[in-house]
């Protein structure tokens, strides 16, 4: 089965030590005989939605891996739970339908650079405009979604009358 592991490294850990924390996670995966299919992607420092362990920011990392025996995942879960360098982690099983969705990390990085540029301009009080976030730009589906046929109001009224006239309903 394919899985995705996402974790947040505590900002209390020096940035020079982030590679060692990442290597620990990879060692945990080797310990359960997992094969890393997508190398770790560092998303950088982000503000948390709510404070975790009195921390307001964290460094996000994502990677994908495959495990033949899913019974070894609790062992990985335990090791990640006891790692004090991590604020949170999440292991998600990737299903077939998620393999059709692709994320363009280059566009996301470009958006982040534009956001930091806007923030820098705000500090210098230079007015700027920023394009709104469009989900279609970053996520693309390989198959279009099926549309359901439209139902006419007359058909609904006719069916409702049939149901109400049924002697079994009192």
N, C-alpha and C. Protein backbone atom coordinates (compact mmCIF):
# COMPACT_ATOMS: atom_id res chain seq x y z
N UNK A 1 0.83 -1.18 0.00
CA UNK A 1 0.00 0.00 0.00
C UNK A 1 0.88 1.24 0.00
N UNK A 2 0.36 2.29 -0.61
CA UNK A 2 1.05 3.58 -0.63
C UNK A 2 0.54 4.45 0.51
N UNK A 3 1.47 5.16 1.15
CA UNK A 3 1.13 6.05 2.24
C UNK A 3 1.86 7.37 2.07
N UNK A 4 1.32 8.39 2.73
CA UNK A 4 1.99 9.69 2.78
C UNK A 4 2.23 10.02 4.25
N UNK A 5 3.44 10.48 4.54
CA UNK A 5 3.79 10.90 5.89
C UNK A 5 4.07 12.39 5.86
N UNK A 6 3.35 13.13 6.67
CA UNK A 6 3.57 14.57 6.82
C UNK A 6 3.89 14.82 8.28
N UNK A 7 4.88 15.64 8.54
CA UNK A 7 5.18 15.98 9.92
C UNK A 7 5.64 17.42 10.03
N UNK A 8 5.51 17.95 11.25
CA UNK A 8 5.89 19.34 11.54
C UNK A 8 7.05 19.30 12.52
N UNK A 9 8.16 19.88 12.11
CA UNK A 9 9.34 19.95 12.96
C UNK A 9 9.22 21.19 13.84
N UNK A 10 9.53 21.04 15.10
CA UNK A 10 9.43 22.13 16.06
C UNK A 10 10.39 23.25 15.70
N UNK A 11 9.97 24.51 15.85
CA UNK A 11 10.88 25.62 15.58
C UNK A 11 11.98 25.74 16.64
N UNK A 12 11.84 25.01 17.74
CA UNK A 12 12.89 25.00 18.76
C UNK A 12 14.12 24.25 18.29
N UNK A 13 13.95 23.43 17.26
CA UNK A 13 15.07 22.68 16.67
C UNK A 13 15.76 23.59 15.66
N UNK A 14 17.09 23.66 15.75
CA UNK A 14 17.86 24.50 14.82
C UNK A 14 17.67 24.01 13.39
N UNK A 15 17.65 24.95 12.46
CA UNK A 15 17.45 24.58 11.05
C UNK A 15 18.57 23.70 10.52
N UNK A 16 19.73 23.79 11.11
CA UNK A 16 20.84 22.92 10.68
C UNK A 16 20.58 21.47 11.09
N UNK A 17 19.72 21.25 12.08
CA UNK A 17 19.40 19.90 12.54
C UNK A 17 18.19 19.30 11.83
N UNK A 18 17.55 20.04 10.95
CA UNK A 18 16.36 19.53 10.27
C UNK A 18 16.69 18.33 9.39
N UNK A 19 17.86 18.31 8.79
CA UNK A 19 18.22 17.16 7.96
C UNK A 19 18.37 15.90 8.82
N UNK A 20 18.88 16.06 10.05
CA UNK A 20 19.01 14.88 10.92
C UNK A 20 17.64 14.39 11.38
N UNK A 21 16.70 15.31 11.63
CA UNK A 21 15.34 14.91 12.00
C UNK A 21 14.69 14.19 10.82
N UNK A 22 14.90 14.71 9.62
CA UNK A 22 14.38 14.07 8.42
C UNK A 22 15.00 12.68 8.25
N UNK A 23 16.29 12.56 8.50
CA UNK A 23 16.97 11.27 8.38
C UNK A 23 16.43 10.27 9.41
N UNK A 24 16.08 10.75 10.60
CA UNK A 24 15.48 9.87 11.61
C UNK A 24 14.17 9.29 11.08
N UNK A 25 13.35 10.13 10.46
CA UNK A 25 12.08 9.66 9.90
C UNK A 25 12.34 8.62 8.81
N UNK A 26 13.34 8.86 7.98
CA UNK A 26 13.68 7.89 6.93
C UNK A 26 14.19 6.59 7.54
N UNK A 27 14.93 6.68 8.64
CA UNK A 27 15.41 5.47 9.33
C UNK A 27 14.24 4.68 9.93
N UNK A 28 13.25 5.40 10.45
CA UNK A 28 12.06 4.72 10.95
C UNK A 28 11.38 3.93 9.83
N UNK A 29 11.32 4.54 8.64
CA UNK A 29 10.71 3.86 7.50
C UNK A 29 11.52 2.64 7.08
N UNK A 30 12.85 2.76 7.11
CA UNK A 30 13.70 1.60 6.80
C UNK A 30 13.47 0.48 7.81
N UNK A 31 13.22 0.87 9.07
CA UNK A 31 13.00 -0.10 10.13
C UNK A 31 11.75 -0.95 9.92
N UNK A 32 10.78 -0.43 9.19
CA UNK A 32 9.56 -1.22 8.91
C UNK A 32 9.56 -1.73 7.48
N UNK A 33 10.72 -1.71 6.83
CA UNK A 33 10.89 -2.20 5.45
C UNK A 33 10.03 -1.44 4.46
N UNK A 34 9.98 -0.14 4.61
CA UNK A 34 9.21 0.71 3.69
C UNK A 34 10.13 1.23 2.60
N UNK A 35 9.55 1.44 1.44
CA UNK A 35 10.29 1.98 0.30
C UNK A 35 9.79 3.40 0.05
N UNK A 36 10.68 4.38 0.10
CA UNK A 36 10.30 5.78 -0.12
C UNK A 36 10.11 5.98 -1.62
N UNK A 37 8.88 6.37 -2.02
CA UNK A 37 8.59 6.56 -3.44
C UNK A 37 8.74 8.01 -3.86
N UNK A 38 8.53 8.94 -2.94
CA UNK A 38 8.74 10.36 -3.23
C UNK A 38 9.58 10.94 -2.10
N UNK A 39 10.71 11.49 -2.48
CA UNK A 39 11.65 12.04 -1.51
C UNK A 39 10.97 13.13 -0.68
N UNK A 40 11.49 13.38 0.52
CA UNK A 40 10.88 14.40 1.38
C UNK A 40 10.86 15.76 0.72
N UNK A 41 9.73 16.42 0.86
CA UNK A 41 9.55 17.76 0.32
C UNK A 41 9.40 18.71 1.50
N UNK A 42 10.34 19.64 1.64
CA UNK A 42 10.30 20.62 2.72
C UNK A 42 9.46 21.80 2.27
N UNK A 43 8.37 22.06 2.98
CA UNK A 43 7.49 23.18 2.63
C UNK A 43 7.86 24.44 3.39
N UNK A 44 8.85 24.34 4.25
CA UNK A 44 9.34 25.53 4.93
C UNK A 44 8.58 25.85 6.21
N UNK A 45 8.86 27.03 6.73
CA UNK A 45 8.26 27.48 7.99
C UNK A 45 6.88 28.04 7.71
N UNK A 46 5.90 27.56 8.46
CA UNK A 46 4.52 27.99 8.30
C UNK A 46 3.93 28.31 9.67
N UNK A 47 2.97 29.20 9.67
CA UNK A 47 2.26 29.51 10.90
C UNK A 47 1.23 28.41 11.16
N UNK A 48 1.15 27.95 12.40
CA UNK A 48 0.20 26.91 12.76
C UNK A 48 -1.19 27.51 12.96
N UNK A 49 -2.21 26.73 12.76
CA UNK A 49 -3.58 27.19 12.94
C UNK A 49 -3.85 27.52 14.41
N UNK A 50 -3.20 26.79 15.28
CA UNK A 50 -3.33 27.01 16.72
C UNK A 50 -2.00 26.61 17.37
N UNK A 51 -1.67 27.18 18.53
CA UNK A 51 -0.40 26.84 19.17
C UNK A 51 -0.34 25.37 19.58
N UNK A 52 0.80 24.75 19.32
CA UNK A 52 1.06 23.38 19.73
C UNK A 52 2.32 23.42 20.59
N UNK A 53 2.22 22.96 21.81
CA UNK A 53 3.34 22.97 22.75
C UNK A 53 3.94 24.38 22.85
N UNK A 54 3.07 25.38 22.91
CA UNK A 54 3.44 26.79 23.02
C UNK A 54 4.24 27.30 21.81
N UNK A 55 4.14 26.63 20.69
CA UNK A 55 4.82 27.04 19.47
C UNK A 55 3.76 27.53 18.48
N UNK A 56 4.05 28.64 17.80
CA UNK A 56 3.09 29.21 16.84
C UNK A 56 3.48 28.93 15.39
N UNK A 57 4.70 28.44 15.17
CA UNK A 57 5.18 28.13 13.83
C UNK A 57 5.78 26.73 13.82
N UNK A 58 5.95 26.19 12.63
CA UNK A 58 6.58 24.88 12.48
C UNK A 58 7.09 24.72 11.07
N UNK A 59 7.98 23.75 10.88
CA UNK A 59 8.56 23.45 9.57
C UNK A 59 7.91 22.18 9.04
N UNK A 60 7.21 22.28 7.91
CA UNK A 60 6.44 21.18 7.36
C UNK A 60 7.27 20.35 6.38
N UNK A 61 7.10 19.02 6.45
CA UNK A 61 7.79 18.09 5.56
C UNK A 61 6.79 17.01 5.15
N UNK A 62 6.80 16.64 3.85
CA UNK A 62 5.93 15.57 3.33
C UNK A 62 6.77 14.58 2.55
N UNK A 63 6.39 13.31 2.60
CA UNK A 63 7.02 12.28 1.78
C UNK A 63 6.04 11.15 1.57
N UNK A 64 6.28 10.34 0.55
CA UNK A 64 5.42 9.20 0.25
C UNK A 64 6.25 7.93 0.34
N UNK A 65 5.59 6.85 0.79
CA UNK A 65 6.29 5.58 0.90
C UNK A 65 5.32 4.43 0.67
N UNK A 66 5.89 3.25 0.42
CA UNK A 66 5.10 2.03 0.23
C UNK A 66 5.52 1.01 1.26
N UNK A 67 4.54 0.29 1.79
CA UNK A 67 4.80 -0.78 2.75
C UNK A 67 4.01 -1.99 2.29
N UNK A 68 4.68 -3.14 2.22
CA UNK A 68 3.99 -4.36 1.82
C UNK A 68 3.08 -4.85 2.94
N UNK A 69 3.55 -4.73 4.19
CA UNK A 69 2.79 -5.20 5.35
C UNK A 69 2.33 -4.01 6.17
N UNK A 70 1.04 -3.70 6.11
CA UNK A 70 0.49 -2.56 6.85
C UNK A 70 0.46 -2.77 8.35
N UNK A 71 0.75 -3.99 8.81
CA UNK A 71 0.75 -4.28 10.25
C UNK A 71 1.95 -3.65 10.95
N UNK A 72 2.91 -3.16 10.18
CA UNK A 72 4.09 -2.54 10.78
C UNK A 72 3.90 -1.04 11.03
N UNK A 73 2.79 -0.49 10.57
CA UNK A 73 2.54 0.94 10.75
C UNK A 73 2.42 1.36 12.22
N UNK A 74 1.83 0.55 13.10
CA UNK A 74 1.80 0.97 14.51
C UNK A 74 3.20 1.16 15.10
N UNK A 75 4.16 0.38 14.62
CA UNK A 75 5.55 0.55 15.07
C UNK A 75 6.08 1.93 14.64
N UNK A 76 5.80 2.30 13.40
CA UNK A 76 6.19 3.62 12.90
C UNK A 76 5.48 4.71 13.70
N UNK A 77 4.21 4.51 13.96
CA UNK A 77 3.42 5.47 14.72
C UNK A 77 4.03 5.70 16.11
N UNK A 78 4.42 4.63 16.77
CA UNK A 78 5.02 4.73 18.10
C UNK A 78 6.34 5.50 18.06
N UNK A 79 7.16 5.20 17.07
CA UNK A 79 8.46 5.89 16.97
C UNK A 79 8.28 7.38 16.72
N UNK A 80 7.33 7.73 15.84
CA UNK A 80 7.08 9.15 15.56
C UNK A 80 6.49 9.85 16.78
N UNK A 81 5.65 9.14 17.52
CA UNK A 81 5.02 9.72 18.70
C UNK A 81 6.06 10.07 19.77
N UNK A 82 7.11 9.28 19.88
CA UNK A 82 8.13 9.50 20.89
C UNK A 82 9.25 10.43 20.43
N UNK A 83 9.20 10.89 19.20
CA UNK A 83 10.22 11.81 18.71
C UNK A 83 9.86 13.22 19.19
N UNK A 84 10.68 13.78 20.07
CA UNK A 84 10.38 15.09 20.66
C UNK A 84 10.64 16.25 19.70
N UNK A 85 11.28 15.99 18.59
CA UNK A 85 11.56 17.04 17.61
C UNK A 85 10.33 17.38 16.77
N UNK A 86 9.34 16.50 16.79
CA UNK A 86 8.15 16.68 15.97
C UNK A 86 7.00 17.21 16.81
N UNK A 87 6.32 18.23 16.28
CA UNK A 87 5.12 18.75 16.94
C UNK A 87 3.92 17.87 16.62
N UNK A 88 3.74 17.54 15.36
CA UNK A 88 2.64 16.70 14.90
C UNK A 88 3.12 15.89 13.71
N UNK A 89 2.41 14.78 13.44
CA UNK A 89 2.66 13.98 12.25
C UNK A 89 1.33 13.38 11.81
N UNK A 90 1.28 12.97 10.57
CA UNK A 90 0.06 12.37 10.02
C UNK A 90 0.45 11.36 8.96
N UNK A 91 -0.09 10.15 9.08
CA UNK A 91 0.14 9.10 8.09
C UNK A 91 -1.19 8.87 7.39
N UNK A 92 -1.19 9.00 6.06
CA UNK A 92 -2.40 8.87 5.27
C UNK A 92 -2.20 7.75 4.25
N UNK A 93 -3.19 6.87 4.12
CA UNK A 93 -3.13 5.85 3.08
C UNK A 93 -3.61 6.47 1.78
N UNK A 94 -2.82 6.34 0.74
CA UNK A 94 -3.19 6.89 -0.57
C UNK A 94 -3.97 5.84 -1.33
N UNK A 95 -5.14 6.21 -1.78
CA UNK A 95 -5.98 5.30 -2.54
C UNK A 95 -5.79 5.56 -4.02
N UNK A 96 -6.39 4.71 -4.83
CA UNK A 96 -6.25 4.83 -6.28
C UNK A 96 -6.73 6.17 -6.80
N UNK A 97 -7.81 6.70 -6.23
CA UNK A 97 -8.36 7.95 -6.75
C UNK A 97 -7.42 9.13 -6.49
N UNK A 98 -6.62 9.07 -5.43
CA UNK A 98 -5.71 10.17 -5.17
C UNK A 98 -4.49 10.12 -6.07
N UNK A 99 -4.27 9.01 -6.74
CA UNK A 99 -3.16 8.94 -7.66
C UNK A 99 -3.44 9.74 -8.93
N UNK A 100 -4.73 10.04 -9.19
CA UNK A 100 -5.09 10.83 -10.36
C UNK A 100 -4.90 12.32 -10.13
N UNK A 101 -4.77 12.73 -8.89
CA UNK A 101 -4.61 14.14 -8.55
C UNK A 101 -3.12 14.44 -8.42
N UNK A 102 -2.69 15.49 -9.10
CA UNK A 102 -1.29 15.87 -9.02
C UNK A 102 -1.18 17.27 -8.45
N UNK A 103 -0.13 17.49 -7.70
CA UNK A 103 0.11 18.79 -7.11
C UNK A 103 1.35 19.37 -7.78
N UNK A 104 1.24 20.57 -8.26
CA UNK A 104 2.36 21.23 -8.90
C UNK A 104 3.10 22.04 -7.84
N UNK A 105 4.15 21.43 -7.28
CA UNK A 105 4.89 22.09 -6.21
C UNK A 105 5.60 23.34 -6.70
N UNK A 106 5.97 23.38 -7.97
CA UNK A 106 6.64 24.57 -8.50
C UNK A 106 5.70 25.78 -8.44
N UNK A 107 4.43 25.57 -8.79
CA UNK A 107 3.47 26.67 -8.73
C UNK A 107 3.21 27.10 -7.29
N UNK A 108 3.20 26.12 -6.38
CA UNK A 108 3.00 26.47 -4.98
C UNK A 108 4.18 27.29 -4.45
N UNK A 109 5.40 26.90 -4.84
CA UNK A 109 6.58 27.66 -4.43
C UNK A 109 6.54 29.07 -5.02
N UNK A 110 6.10 29.17 -6.28
CA UNK A 110 6.00 30.47 -6.93
C UNK A 110 4.99 31.35 -6.19
N UNK A 111 3.88 30.75 -5.76
CA UNK A 111 2.88 31.49 -5.00
C UNK A 111 3.44 31.96 -3.66
N UNK A 112 4.23 31.11 -3.02
CA UNK A 112 4.85 31.49 -1.75
C UNK A 112 5.83 32.64 -1.93
N UNK A 113 6.60 32.59 -3.02
CA UNK A 113 7.54 33.69 -3.29
C UNK A 113 6.78 34.98 -3.53
N UNK A 114 5.68 34.89 -4.27
CA UNK A 114 4.87 36.09 -4.52
C UNK A 114 4.28 36.62 -3.22
N UNK A 115 3.88 35.72 -2.35
CA UNK A 115 3.31 36.14 -1.06
C UNK A 115 4.36 36.86 -0.23
N UNK A 116 5.59 36.34 -0.18
CA UNK A 116 6.63 37.00 0.60
C UNK A 116 6.98 38.35 -0.02
N UNK A 117 6.89 38.44 -1.34
CA UNK A 117 7.15 39.70 -2.01
C UNK A 117 6.07 40.72 -1.64
N UNK A 118 4.82 40.27 -1.59
CA UNK A 118 3.72 41.14 -1.20
C UNK A 118 3.90 41.60 0.23
N UNK A 119 4.30 40.68 1.10
CA UNK A 119 4.51 41.04 2.50
C UNK A 119 5.64 42.06 2.63
N UNK A 120 6.69 41.91 1.83
CA UNK A 120 7.79 42.87 1.86
C UNK A 120 7.32 44.23 1.37
N UNK A 121 6.46 44.24 0.35
CA UNK A 121 5.92 45.50 -0.16
C UNK A 121 5.00 46.16 0.85
N UNK A 122 4.26 45.36 1.61
CA UNK A 122 3.39 45.92 2.64
C UNK A 122 4.21 46.62 3.71
N UNK A 123 5.35 46.04 4.02
CA UNK A 123 6.21 46.66 5.03
C UNK A 123 6.75 47.99 4.53
N UNK A 124 7.00 48.08 3.21
CA UNK A 124 7.49 49.33 2.65
C UNK A 124 6.34 50.26 2.26
N UNK A 125 5.10 49.83 2.52
CA UNK A 125 3.88 50.61 2.27
C UNK A 125 3.68 50.93 0.79
N UNK A 126 4.13 50.02 -0.07
CA UNK A 126 3.90 50.16 -1.49
C UNK A 126 2.65 49.35 -1.84
N UNK A 127 1.63 49.97 -2.44
CA UNK A 127 0.43 49.21 -2.74
C UNK A 127 0.69 48.17 -3.84
N UNK A 128 0.19 46.97 -3.62
CA UNK A 128 0.31 45.90 -4.62
C UNK A 128 -1.01 45.18 -4.72
N UNK A 129 -1.17 44.44 -5.80
CA UNK A 129 -2.35 43.61 -5.95
C UNK A 129 -1.88 42.17 -6.09
N UNK A 130 -2.70 41.27 -5.61
CA UNK A 130 -2.36 39.86 -5.66
C UNK A 130 -3.54 39.10 -6.23
N UNK A 131 -3.27 38.19 -7.14
CA UNK A 131 -4.33 37.40 -7.75
C UNK A 131 -4.92 36.45 -6.71
N UNK A 132 -6.23 36.22 -6.73
CA UNK A 132 -6.84 35.30 -5.77
C UNK A 132 -6.40 33.87 -6.03
N UNK A 133 -6.41 33.06 -4.98
CA UNK A 133 -6.05 31.65 -5.07
C UNK A 133 -7.09 30.91 -5.89
N UNK A 134 -6.64 30.16 -6.87
CA UNK A 134 -7.55 29.35 -7.69
C UNK A 134 -7.13 27.90 -7.55
N UNK A 135 -8.02 27.09 -7.02
CA UNK A 135 -7.72 25.69 -6.78
C UNK A 135 -7.37 24.97 -8.09
N UNK A 136 -8.02 25.33 -9.18
CA UNK A 136 -7.80 24.65 -10.45
C UNK A 136 -6.35 24.83 -10.93
N UNK A 137 -5.72 25.92 -10.51
CA UNK A 137 -4.36 26.18 -10.95
C UNK A 137 -3.38 25.17 -10.37
N UNK A 138 -3.63 24.71 -9.15
CA UNK A 138 -2.68 23.85 -8.46
C UNK A 138 -3.03 22.37 -8.52
N UNK A 139 -4.31 22.05 -8.63
CA UNK A 139 -4.72 20.66 -8.65
C UNK A 139 -5.37 20.37 -9.99
N UNK A 140 -4.94 19.31 -10.63
CA UNK A 140 -5.55 18.95 -11.90
C UNK A 140 -6.02 17.51 -11.82
N UNK A 141 -7.24 17.27 -12.30
CA UNK A 141 -7.78 15.92 -12.30
C UNK A 141 -7.65 15.36 -13.70
N UNK A 142 -7.33 14.06 -13.77
CA UNK A 142 -7.14 13.45 -15.07
C UNK A 142 -8.48 13.17 -15.76
N UNK A 143 -9.56 12.96 -14.97
CA UNK A 143 -10.85 12.68 -15.56
C UNK A 143 -11.85 13.75 -15.12
N UNK A 144 -12.67 14.24 -16.04
CA UNK A 144 -13.68 15.22 -15.64
C UNK A 144 -14.76 14.53 -14.80
N UNK A 145 -15.32 15.28 -13.86
CA UNK A 145 -16.37 14.73 -13.01
C UNK A 145 -17.65 14.55 -13.81
N UNK A 146 -18.36 13.47 -13.53
CA UNK A 146 -19.61 13.17 -14.23
C UNK A 146 -20.70 14.10 -13.70
N UNK A 147 -21.52 14.60 -14.61
CA UNK A 147 -22.61 15.48 -14.20
C UNK A 147 -23.89 14.67 -14.16
N UNK A 148 -24.74 14.95 -13.18
CA UNK A 148 -26.01 14.25 -13.07
C UNK A 148 -27.05 14.94 -13.95
N UNK A 149 -27.97 14.14 -14.50
CA UNK A 149 -29.00 14.76 -15.37
C UNK A 149 -29.92 15.66 -14.54
N UNK A 150 -30.39 16.71 -15.15
CA UNK A 150 -31.28 17.65 -14.46
C UNK A 150 -32.69 17.06 -14.38
N UNK A 151 -33.34 17.32 -13.26
CA UNK A 151 -34.70 16.83 -13.04
C UNK A 151 -35.65 18.00 -13.16
N UNK A 152 -36.76 17.78 -13.89
CA UNK A 152 -37.73 18.85 -14.07
C UNK A 152 -38.63 18.93 -12.85
N UNK A 153 -39.12 20.12 -12.57
CA UNK A 153 -39.98 20.37 -11.43
C UNK A 153 -41.31 19.62 -11.57
N UNK A 154 -41.82 19.50 -12.80
CA UNK A 154 -43.07 18.78 -13.04
C UNK A 154 -42.93 17.30 -12.66
N UNK A 155 -41.78 16.71 -12.96
CA UNK A 155 -41.54 15.30 -12.62
C UNK A 155 -41.51 15.11 -11.11
N UNK A 156 -40.93 16.06 -10.41
CA UNK A 156 -40.89 15.98 -8.95
C UNK A 156 -42.29 16.08 -8.37
N UNK A 157 -43.10 17.03 -8.88
CA UNK A 157 -44.48 17.19 -8.41
C UNK A 157 -45.31 15.94 -8.67
N UNK A 158 -45.15 15.35 -9.84
CA UNK A 158 -45.91 14.15 -10.20
C UNK A 158 -45.55 13.00 -9.27
N UNK A 159 -44.27 12.82 -9.01
CA UNK A 159 -43.81 11.74 -8.13
C UNK A 159 -44.28 11.97 -6.69
N UNK A 160 -44.28 13.20 -6.24
CA UNK A 160 -44.74 13.53 -4.90
C UNK A 160 -46.23 13.24 -4.75
N UNK A 161 -47.03 13.57 -5.76
CA UNK A 161 -48.46 13.25 -5.74
C UNK A 161 -48.69 11.75 -5.67
N UNK A 162 -47.92 10.96 -6.41
CA UNK A 162 -48.04 9.50 -6.38
C UNK A 162 -47.75 8.96 -4.98
N UNK A 163 -46.75 9.51 -4.34
CA UNK A 163 -46.37 9.06 -3.00
C UNK A 163 -47.46 9.41 -2.00
N UNK A 164 -48.00 10.62 -2.09
CA UNK A 164 -49.03 11.05 -1.15
C UNK A 164 -50.35 10.31 -1.34
N UNK A 165 -50.65 9.86 -2.56
CA UNK A 165 -51.88 9.12 -2.82
C UNK A 165 -51.78 7.65 -2.46
N UNK A 166 -50.62 7.19 -2.12
CA UNK A 166 -50.42 5.79 -1.77
C UNK A 166 -51.19 5.47 -0.49
N UNK A 167 -52.08 4.44 -0.50
CA UNK A 167 -52.91 4.14 0.68
C UNK A 167 -52.08 3.58 1.84
N UNK A 168 -50.90 3.12 1.62
CA UNK A 168 -50.07 2.58 2.69
C UNK A 168 -49.54 3.69 3.61
N UNK A 169 -49.50 4.91 3.09
CA UNK A 169 -49.00 6.04 3.89
C UNK A 169 -50.17 6.71 4.57
N UNK A 170 -50.11 6.82 5.87
CA UNK A 170 -51.19 7.49 6.62
C UNK A 170 -50.66 8.67 7.36
